[in-house]
PDB file of all heavy atoms in Angstrom:
ATOM      1  N   SER A   1     -13.060  11.080 -10.482  1.00  0.00           N
ATOM      2  CA  SER A   1     -12.170   9.994 -10.067  1.00  0.00           C
ATOM      3  C   SER A   1     -12.519   8.760 -10.890  1.00  0.00           C
ATOM      4  O   SER A   1     -13.573   8.704 -11.530  1.00  0.00           O
ATOM      5  CB  SER A   1     -12.359   9.688  -8.579  1.00  0.00           C
ATOM      6  OG  SER A   1     -13.644   9.117  -8.358  1.00  0.00           O
ATOM      7  N   GLN A   2     -11.655   7.764 -10.842  1.00  0.00           N
ATOM      8  CA  GLN A   2     -11.960   6.516 -11.533  1.00  0.00           C
ATOM      9  C   GLN A   2     -13.247   5.905 -10.973  1.00  0.00           C
ATOM     10  O   GLN A   2     -14.072   5.395 -11.720  1.00  0.00           O
ATOM     11  CB  GLN A   2     -10.804   5.526 -11.394  1.00  0.00           C
ATOM     12  CG  GLN A   2      -9.594   5.914 -12.195  1.00  0.00           C
ATOM     13  CD  GLN A   2      -8.461   4.924 -12.051  1.00  0.00           C
ATOM     14  OE1 GLN A   2      -8.415   4.132 -11.113  1.00  0.00           O
ATOM     15  NE2 GLN A   2      -7.509   4.980 -12.979  1.00  0.00           N
ATOM     16  N   ARG A   3     -13.415   5.982  -9.673  1.00  0.00           N
ATOM     17  CA  ARG A   3     -14.608   5.420  -9.030  1.00  0.00           C
ATOM     18  C   ARG A   3     -15.877   6.137  -9.498  1.00  0.00           C
ATOM     19  O   ARG A   3     -16.881   5.493  -9.796  1.00  0.00           O
ATOM     20  CB  ARG A   3     -14.493   5.504  -7.508  1.00  0.00           C
ATOM     21  CG  ARG A   3     -15.665   4.855  -6.779  1.00  0.00           C
ATOM     22  CD  ARG A   3     -15.458   4.753  -5.282  1.00  0.00           C
ATOM     23  NE  ARG A   3     -14.191   4.159  -4.891  1.00  0.00           N
ATOM     24  CZ  ARG A   3     -13.904   2.856  -4.924  1.00  0.00           C
ATOM     25  NH1 ARG A   3     -14.802   2.015  -5.359  1.00  0.00           N
ATOM     26  NH2 ARG A   3     -12.727   2.423  -4.530  1.00  0.00           N
ATOM     27  N   GLU A   4     -15.819   7.464  -9.578  1.00  0.00           N
ATOM     28  CA  GLU A   4     -16.997   8.223 -10.019  1.00  0.00           C
ATOM     29  C   GLU A   4     -17.376   7.875 -11.457  1.00  0.00           C
ATOM     30  O   GLU A   4     -18.554   7.662 -11.755  1.00  0.00           O
ATOM     31  CB  GLU A   4     -16.734   9.728  -9.884  1.00  0.00           C
ATOM     32  CG  GLU A   4     -16.672  10.194  -8.450  1.00  0.00           C
ATOM     33  CD  GLU A   4     -16.113  11.608  -8.319  1.00  0.00           C
ATOM     34  OE1 GLU A   4     -15.268  12.018  -9.159  1.00  0.00           O
ATOM     35  OE2 GLU A   4     -16.515  12.291  -7.366  1.00  0.00           O
ATOM     36  N   LEU A   5     -16.384   7.805 -12.332  1.00  0.00           N
ATOM     37  CA  LEU A   5     -16.671   7.448 -13.723  1.00  0.00           C
ATOM     38  C   LEU A   5     -17.234   6.033 -13.801  1.00  0.00           C
ATOM     39  O   LEU A   5     -18.214   5.788 -14.508  1.00  0.00           O
ATOM     40  CB  LEU A   5     -15.415   7.570 -14.589  1.00  0.00           C
ATOM     41  CG  LEU A   5     -15.589   7.159 -16.056  1.00  0.00           C
ATOM     42  CD1 LEU A   5     -16.691   7.961 -16.737  1.00  0.00           C
ATOM     43  CD2 LEU A   5     -14.265   7.291 -16.799  1.00  0.00           C
ATOM     44  N   ALA A   6     -16.651   5.121 -13.050  1.00  0.00           N
ATOM     45  CA  ALA A   6     -17.117   3.742 -13.036  1.00  0.00           C
ATOM     46  C   ALA A   6     -18.586   3.669 -12.634  1.00  0.00           C
ATOM     47  O   ALA A   6     -19.375   2.939 -13.249  1.00  0.00           O
ATOM     48  CB  ALA A   6     -16.256   2.912 -12.086  1.00  0.00           C
ATOM     49  N   GLU A   7     -18.974   4.421 -11.628  1.00  0.00           N
ATOM     50  CA  GLU A   7     -20.369   4.428 -11.183  1.00  0.00           C
ATOM     51  C   GLU A   7     -21.296   4.953 -12.271  1.00  0.00           C
ATOM     52  O   GLU A   7     -22.390   4.433 -12.467  1.00  0.00           O
ATOM     53  CB  GLU A   7     -20.507   5.258  -9.902  1.00  0.00           C
ATOM     54  CG  GLU A   7     -19.887   4.588  -8.689  1.00  0.00           C
ATOM     55  CD  GLU A   7     -19.873   5.477  -7.457  1.00  0.00           C
ATOM     56  OE1 GLU A   7     -20.370   6.630  -7.512  1.00  0.00           O
ATOM     57  OE2 GLU A   7     -19.342   5.009  -6.422  1.00  0.00           O
ATOM     58  N   HIS A   8     -20.858   5.962 -13.000  1.00  0.00           N
ATOM     59  CA  HIS A   8     -21.681   6.544 -14.065  1.00  0.00           C
ATOM     60  C   HIS A   8     -21.942   5.559 -15.200  1.00  0.00           C
ATOM     61  O   HIS A   8     -23.011   5.603 -15.814  1.00  0.00           O
ATOM     62  CB  HIS A   8     -21.044   7.813 -14.637  1.00  0.00           C
ATOM     63  CG  HIS A   8     -21.210   9.027 -13.778  1.00  0.00           C
ATOM     64  ND1 HIS A   8     -22.416   9.656 -13.591  1.00  0.00           N
ATOM     65  CD2 HIS A   8     -20.295   9.715 -13.054  1.00  0.00           C
ATOM     66  CE1 HIS A   8     -22.251  10.683 -12.792  1.00  0.00           C
ATOM     67  NE2 HIS A   8     -20.974  10.745 -12.442  1.00  0.00           N
ATOM     68  N   VAL A   9     -20.961   4.706 -15.494  1.00  0.00           N
ATOM     69  CA  VAL A   9     -21.112   3.797 -16.638  1.00  0.00           C
ATOM     70  C   VAL A   9     -21.364   2.346 -16.224  1.00  0.00           C
ATOM     71  O   VAL A   9     -21.462   1.464 -17.075  1.00  0.00           O
ATOM     72  CB  VAL A   9     -19.912   3.893 -17.614  1.00  0.00           C
ATOM     73  CG1 VAL A   9     -19.840   5.275 -18.239  1.00  0.00           C
ATOM     74  CG2 VAL A   9     -18.608   3.513 -16.941  1.00  0.00           C
ATOM     75  N   GLY A  10     -21.469   2.096 -14.919  1.00  0.00           N
ATOM     76  CA  GLY A  10     -21.865   0.776 -14.443  1.00  0.00           C
ATOM     77  C   GLY A  10     -20.799  -0.305 -14.458  1.00  0.00           C
ATOM     78  O   GLY A  10     -21.094  -1.469 -14.720  1.00  0.00           O
ATOM     79  N   VAL A  11     -19.553   0.086 -14.178  1.00  0.00           N
ATOM     80  CA  VAL A  11     -18.469  -0.897 -14.065  1.00  0.00           C
ATOM     81  C   VAL A  11     -17.706  -0.627 -12.769  1.00  0.00           C
ATOM     82  O   VAL A  11     -18.018   0.298 -12.040  1.00  0.00           O
ATOM     83  CB  VAL A  11     -17.498  -0.842 -15.283  1.00  0.00           C
ATOM     84  CG1 VAL A  11     -18.225  -1.201 -16.570  1.00  0.00           C
ATOM     85  CG2 VAL A  11     -16.822   0.516 -15.400  1.00  0.00           C
ATOM     86  N   THR A  12     -16.677  -1.426 -12.511  1.00  0.00           N
ATOM     87  CA  THR A  12     -15.883  -1.216 -11.298  1.00  0.00           C
ATOM     88  C   THR A  12     -14.762  -0.213 -11.557  1.00  0.00           C
ATOM     89  O   THR A  12     -14.374   0.034 -12.709  1.00  0.00           O
ATOM     90  CB  THR A  12     -15.244  -2.536 -10.828  1.00  0.00           C
ATOM     91  OG1 THR A  12     -14.316  -2.975 -11.819  1.00  0.00           O
ATOM     92  CG2 THR A  12     -16.307  -3.603 -10.570  1.00  0.00           C
ATOM     93  N   ARG A  13     -14.228   0.329 -10.485  1.00  0.00           N
ATOM     94  CA  ARG A  13     -13.088   1.233 -10.588  1.00  0.00           C
ATOM     95  C   ARG A  13     -11.907   0.500 -11.208  1.00  0.00           C
ATOM     96  O   ARG A  13     -11.144   1.060 -12.001  1.00  0.00           O
ATOM     97  CB  ARG A  13     -12.701   1.774  -9.210  1.00  0.00           C
ATOM     98  CG  ARG A  13     -11.538   2.768  -9.285  1.00  0.00           C
ATOM     99  CD  ARG A  13     -10.781   2.908  -7.984  1.00  0.00           C
ATOM    100  NE  ARG A  13     -10.224   1.668  -7.483  1.00  0.00           N
ATOM    101  CZ  ARG A  13      -9.100   1.079  -7.937  1.00  0.00           C
ATOM    102  NH1 ARG A  13      -8.433   1.619  -8.933  1.00  0.00           N
ATOM    103  NH2 ARG A  13      -8.671  -0.034  -7.411  1.00  0.00           N
ATOM    104  N   GLN A  14     -11.767  -0.784 -10.879  1.00  0.00           N
ATOM    105  CA  GLN A  14     -10.670  -1.574 -11.424  1.00  0.00           C
ATOM    106  C   GLN A  14     -10.760  -1.684 -12.941  1.00  0.00           C
ATOM    107  O   GLN A  14      -9.733  -1.694 -13.631  1.00  0.00           O
ATOM    108  CB  GLN A  14     -10.652  -2.975 -10.789  1.00  0.00           C
ATOM    109  CG  GLN A  14     -10.256  -2.970  -9.328  1.00  0.00           C
ATOM    110  CD  GLN A  14     -11.420  -2.720  -8.365  1.00  0.00           C
ATOM    111  OE1 GLN A  14     -12.518  -2.322  -8.770  1.00  0.00           O
ATOM    112  NE2 GLN A  14     -11.182  -2.925  -7.079  1.00  0.00           N
ATOM    113  N   THR A  15     -11.980  -1.763 -13.473  1.00  0.00           N
ATOM    114  CA  THR A  15     -12.157  -1.819 -14.928  1.00  0.00           C
ATOM    115  C   THR A  15     -11.682  -0.526 -15.567  1.00  0.00           C
ATOM    116  O   THR A  15     -10.947  -0.542 -16.563  1.00  0.00           O
ATOM    117  CB  THR A  15     -13.625  -2.101 -15.288  1.00  0.00           C
ATOM    118  OG1 THR A  15     -13.984  -3.384 -14.771  1.00  0.00           O
ATOM    119  CG2 THR A  15     -13.846  -2.075 -16.794  1.00  0.00           C
ATOM    120  N   ILE A  16     -12.078   0.604 -15.002  1.00  0.00           N
ATOM    121  CA  ILE A  16     -11.639   1.908 -15.538  1.00  0.00           C
ATOM    122  C   ILE A  16     -10.122   2.007 -15.465  1.00  0.00           C
ATOM    123  O   ILE A  16      -9.463   2.428 -16.426  1.00  0.00           O
ATOM    124  CB  ILE A  16     -12.308   3.076 -14.787  1.00  0.00           C
ATOM    125  CG1 ILE A  16     -13.829   3.044 -14.969  1.00  0.00           C
ATOM    126  CG2 ILE A  16     -11.715   4.416 -15.227  1.00  0.00           C
ATOM    127  CD1 ILE A  16     -14.311   3.197 -16.400  1.00  0.00           C
ATOM    128  N   ASN A  17      -9.546   1.588 -14.351  1.00  0.00           N
ATOM    129  CA  ASN A  17      -8.095   1.617 -14.184  1.00  0.00           C
ATOM    130  C   ASN A  17      -7.408   0.766 -15.241  1.00  0.00           C
ATOM    131  O   ASN A  17      -6.405   1.186 -15.838  1.00  0.00           O
ATOM    132  CB  ASN A  17      -7.736   1.132 -12.773  1.00  0.00           C
ATOM    133  CG  ASN A  17      -6.245   1.161 -12.528  1.00  0.00           C
ATOM    134  OD1 ASN A  17      -5.549   0.205 -12.847  1.00  0.00           O
ATOM    135  ND2 ASN A  17      -5.765   2.256 -11.971  1.00  0.00           N
ATOM    136  N   ALA A  18      -7.925  -0.431 -15.499  1.00  0.00           N
ATOM    137  CA  ALA A  18      -7.327  -1.335 -16.483  1.00  0.00           C
ATOM    138  C   ALA A  18      -7.455  -0.784 -17.903  1.00  0.00           C
ATOM    139  O   ALA A  18      -6.523  -0.902 -18.711  1.00  0.00           O
ATOM    140  CB  ALA A  18      -7.965  -2.710 -16.387  1.00  0.00           C
ATOM    141  N   VAL A  19      -8.591  -0.163 -18.221  1.00  0.00           N
ATOM    142  CA  VAL A  19      -8.770   0.433 -19.545  1.00  0.00           C
ATOM    143  C   VAL A  19      -7.791   1.588 -19.717  1.00  0.00           C
ATOM    144  O   VAL A  19      -7.103   1.689 -20.747  1.00  0.00           O
ATOM    145  CB  VAL A  19     -10.230   0.904 -19.762  1.00  0.00           C
ATOM    146  CG1 VAL A  19     -10.358   1.703 -21.055  1.00  0.00           C
ATOM    147  CG2 VAL A  19     -11.186  -0.280 -19.773  1.00  0.00           C
ATOM    148  N   GLU A  20      -7.708   2.462 -18.724  1.00  0.00           N
ATOM    149  CA  GLU A  20      -6.791   3.604 -18.808  1.00  0.00           C
ATOM    150  C   GLU A  20      -5.341   3.153 -18.953  1.00  0.00           C
ATOM    151  O   GLU A  20      -4.551   3.799 -19.632  1.00  0.00           O
ATOM    152  CB  GLU A  20      -6.922   4.493 -17.569  1.00  0.00           C
ATOM    153  CG  GLU A  20      -8.175   5.297 -17.536  1.00  0.00           C
ATOM    154  CD  GLU A  20      -8.272   6.235 -16.359  1.00  0.00           C
ATOM    155  OE1 GLU A  20      -7.371   6.253 -15.483  1.00  0.00           O
ATOM    156  OE2 GLU A  20      -9.274   6.973 -16.296  1.00  0.00           O
ATOM    157  N   GLY A  21      -4.992   2.041 -18.323  1.00  0.00           N
ATOM    158  CA  GLY A  21      -3.625   1.535 -18.377  1.00  0.00           C
ATOM    159  C   GLY A  21      -3.346   0.642 -19.572  1.00  0.00           C
ATOM    160  O   GLY A  21      -2.286   0.016 -19.646  1.00  0.00           O
ATOM    161  N   ASN A  22      -4.301   0.578 -20.501  1.00  0.00           N
ATOM    162  CA  ASN A  22      -4.170  -0.248 -21.705  1.00  0.00           C
ATOM    163  C   ASN A  22      -3.920  -1.723 -21.384  1.00  0.00           C
ATOM    164  O   ASN A  22      -3.262  -2.428 -22.136  1.00  0.00           O
ATOM    165  CB  ASN A  22      -3.069   0.287 -22.627  1.00  0.00           C
ATOM    166  CG  ASN A  22      -3.412   1.634 -23.195  1.00  0.00           C
ATOM    167  OD1 ASN A  22      -4.512   1.847 -23.695  1.00  0.00           O
ATOM    168  ND2 ASN A  22      -2.487   2.570 -23.108  1.00  0.00           N
ATOM    169  N   ARG A  23      -4.470  -2.167 -20.245  1.00  0.00           N
ATOM    170  CA  ARG A  23      -4.347  -3.577 -19.866  1.00  0.00           C
ATOM    171  C   ARG A  23      -5.623  -4.351 -20.168  1.00  0.00           C
ATOM    172  O   ARG A  23      -5.682  -5.555 -19.968  1.00  0.00           O
ATOM    173  CB  ARG A  23      -4.023  -3.688 -18.371  1.00  0.00           C
ATOM    174  CG  ARG A  23      -2.648  -3.143 -18.004  1.00  0.00           C
ATOM    175  CD  ARG A  23      -2.329  -3.322 -16.537  1.00  0.00           C
ATOM    176  NE  ARG A  23      -3.365  -2.826 -15.661  1.00  0.00           N
ATOM    177  CZ  ARG A  23      -3.527  -1.557 -15.272  1.00  0.00           C
ATOM    178  NH1 ARG A  23      -2.706  -0.630 -15.729  1.00  0.00           N
ATOM    179  NH2 ARG A  23      -4.491  -1.213 -14.452  1.00  0.00           N
ATOM    180  N   TYR A  24      -6.661  -3.648 -20.618  1.00  0.00           N
ATOM    181  CA  TYR A  24      -7.953  -4.276 -20.866  1.00  0.00           C
ATOM    182  C   TYR A  24      -8.645  -3.542 -21.997  1.00  0.00           C
ATOM    183  O   TYR A  24      -8.771  -2.313 -21.954  1.00  0.00           O
ATOM    184  CB  TYR A  24      -8.801  -4.209 -19.586  1.00  0.00           C
ATOM    185  CG  TYR A  24     -10.222  -4.686 -19.741  1.00  0.00           C
ATOM    186  CD1 TYR A  24     -10.521  -6.031 -19.862  1.00  0.00           C
ATOM    187  CD2 TYR A  24     -11.283  -3.775 -19.753  1.00  0.00           C
ATOM    188  CE1 TYR A  24     -11.833  -6.461 -19.992  1.00  0.00           C
ATOM    189  CE2 TYR A  24     -12.597  -4.196 -19.881  1.00  0.00           C
ATOM    190  CZ  TYR A  24     -12.858  -5.539 -20.004  1.00  0.00           C
ATOM    191  OH  TYR A  24     -14.152  -5.968 -20.146  1.00  0.00           O
ATOM    192  N   ASP A  25      -9.055  -4.280 -23.027  1.00  0.00           N
ATOM    193  CA  ASP A  25      -9.849  -3.693 -24.104  1.00  0.00           C
ATOM    194  C   ASP A  25     -11.313  -3.793 -23.698  1.00  0.00           C
ATOM    195  O   ASP A  25     -11.826  -4.901 -23.500  1.00  0.00           O
ATOM    196  CB  ASP A  25      -9.628  -4.424 -25.424  1.00  0.00           C
ATOM    197  CG  ASP A  25      -8.292  -4.078 -26.062  1.00  0.00           C
ATOM    198  OD1 ASP A  25      -7.732  -3.024 -25.735  1.00  0.00           O
ATOM    199  OD2 ASP A  25      -7.811  -4.875 -26.886  1.00  0.00           O
ATOM    200  N   PRO A  26     -11.985  -2.659 -23.563  1.00  0.00           N
ATOM    201  CA  PRO A  26     -13.377  -2.670 -23.100  1.00  0.00           C
ATOM    202  C   PRO A  26     -14.320  -3.290 -24.132  1.00  0.00           C
ATOM    203  O   PRO A  26     -14.013  -3.329 -25.321  1.00  0.00           O
ATOM    204  CB  PRO A  26     -13.691  -1.192 -22.897  1.00  0.00           C
ATOM    205  CG  PRO A  26     -12.761  -0.489 -23.831  1.00  0.00           C
ATOM    206  CD  PRO A  26     -11.517  -1.321 -23.869  1.00  0.00           C
ATOM    207  N   SER A  27     -15.460  -3.747 -23.639  1.00  0.00           N
ATOM    208  CA  SER A  27     -16.491  -4.274 -24.534  1.00  0.00           C
ATOM    209  C   SER A  27     -17.029  -3.143 -25.403  1.00  0.00           C
ATOM    210  O   SER A  27     -16.881  -1.958 -25.075  1.00  0.00           O
ATOM    211  CB  SER A  27     -17.636  -4.867 -23.715  1.00  0.00           C
ATOM    212  OG  SER A  27     -18.310  -3.835 -22.997  1.00  0.00           O
ATOM    213  N   VAL A  28     -17.652  -3.524 -26.490  1.00  0.00           N
ATOM    214  CA  VAL A  28     -18.275  -2.530 -27.374  1.00  0.00           C
ATOM    215  C   VAL A  28     -19.304  -1.726 -26.582  1.00  0.00           C
ATOM    216  O   VAL A  28     -19.393  -0.501 -26.719  1.00  0.00           O
ATOM    217  CB  VAL A  28     -18.913  -3.217 -28.600  1.00  0.00           C
ATOM    218  CG1 VAL A  28     -19.716  -2.224 -29.426  1.00  0.00           C
ATOM    219  CG2 VAL A  28     -17.852  -3.879 -29.446  1.00  0.00           C
ATOM    220  N   GLU A  29     -20.060  -2.404 -25.734  1.00  0.00           N
ATOM    221  CA  GLU A  29     -21.067  -1.724 -24.920  1.00  0.00           C
ATOM    222  C   GLU A  29     -20.431  -0.649 -24.037  1.00  0.00           C
ATOM    223  O   GLU A  29     -20.916   0.481 -23.976  1.00  0.00           O
ATOM    224  CB  GLU A  29     -21.812  -2.738 -24.049  1.00  0.00           C
ATOM    225  CG  GLU A  29     -22.870  -2.096 -23.175  1.00  0.00           C
ATOM    226  CD  GLU A  29     -23.586  -3.098 -22.272  1.00  0.00           C
ATOM    227  OE1 GLU A  29     -23.210  -4.280 -22.245  1.00  0.00           O
ATOM    228  OE2 GLU A  29     -24.523  -2.668 -21.589  1.00  0.00           O
ATOM    229  N   LEU A  30     -19.323  -0.976 -23.378  1.00  0.00           N
ATOM    230  CA  LEU A  30     -18.660  -0.001 -22.516  1.00  0.00           C
ATOM    231  C   LEU A  30     -18.080   1.152 -23.331  1.00  0.00           C
ATOM    232  O   LEU A  30     -18.165   2.314 -22.914  1.00  0.00           O
ATOM    233  CB  LEU A  30     -17.569  -0.676 -21.678  1.00  0.00           C
ATOM    234  CG  LEU A  30     -16.786   0.240 -20.736  1.00  0.00           C
ATOM    235  CD1 LEU A  30     -17.713   1.046 -19.815  1.00  0.00           C
ATOM    236  CD2 LEU A  30     -15.777  -0.562 -19.935  1.00  0.00           C
ATOM    237  N   VAL A  31     -17.519   0.847 -24.477  1.00  0.00           N
ATOM    238  CA  VAL A  31     -16.979   1.897 -25.350  1.00  0.00           C
ATOM    239  C   VAL A  31     -18.068   2.918 -25.686  1.00  0.00           C
ATOM    240  O   VAL A  31     -17.856   4.129 -25.581  1.00  0.00           O
ATOM    241  CB  VAL A  31     -16.387   1.276 -26.638  1.00  0.00           C
ATOM    242  CG1 VAL A  31     -16.133   2.337 -27.694  1.00  0.00           C
ATOM    243  CG2 VAL A  31     -15.111   0.508 -26.324  1.00  0.00           C
TER     244      VAL A  31
END
């Protein structure tokens, strides 16, 4: 789930959702 992935990489579910929806360009660290 978005929440599970977010927990694995240390961000919020909303961040994963925004990246997947092309509404947010992730930091180099997150990439």
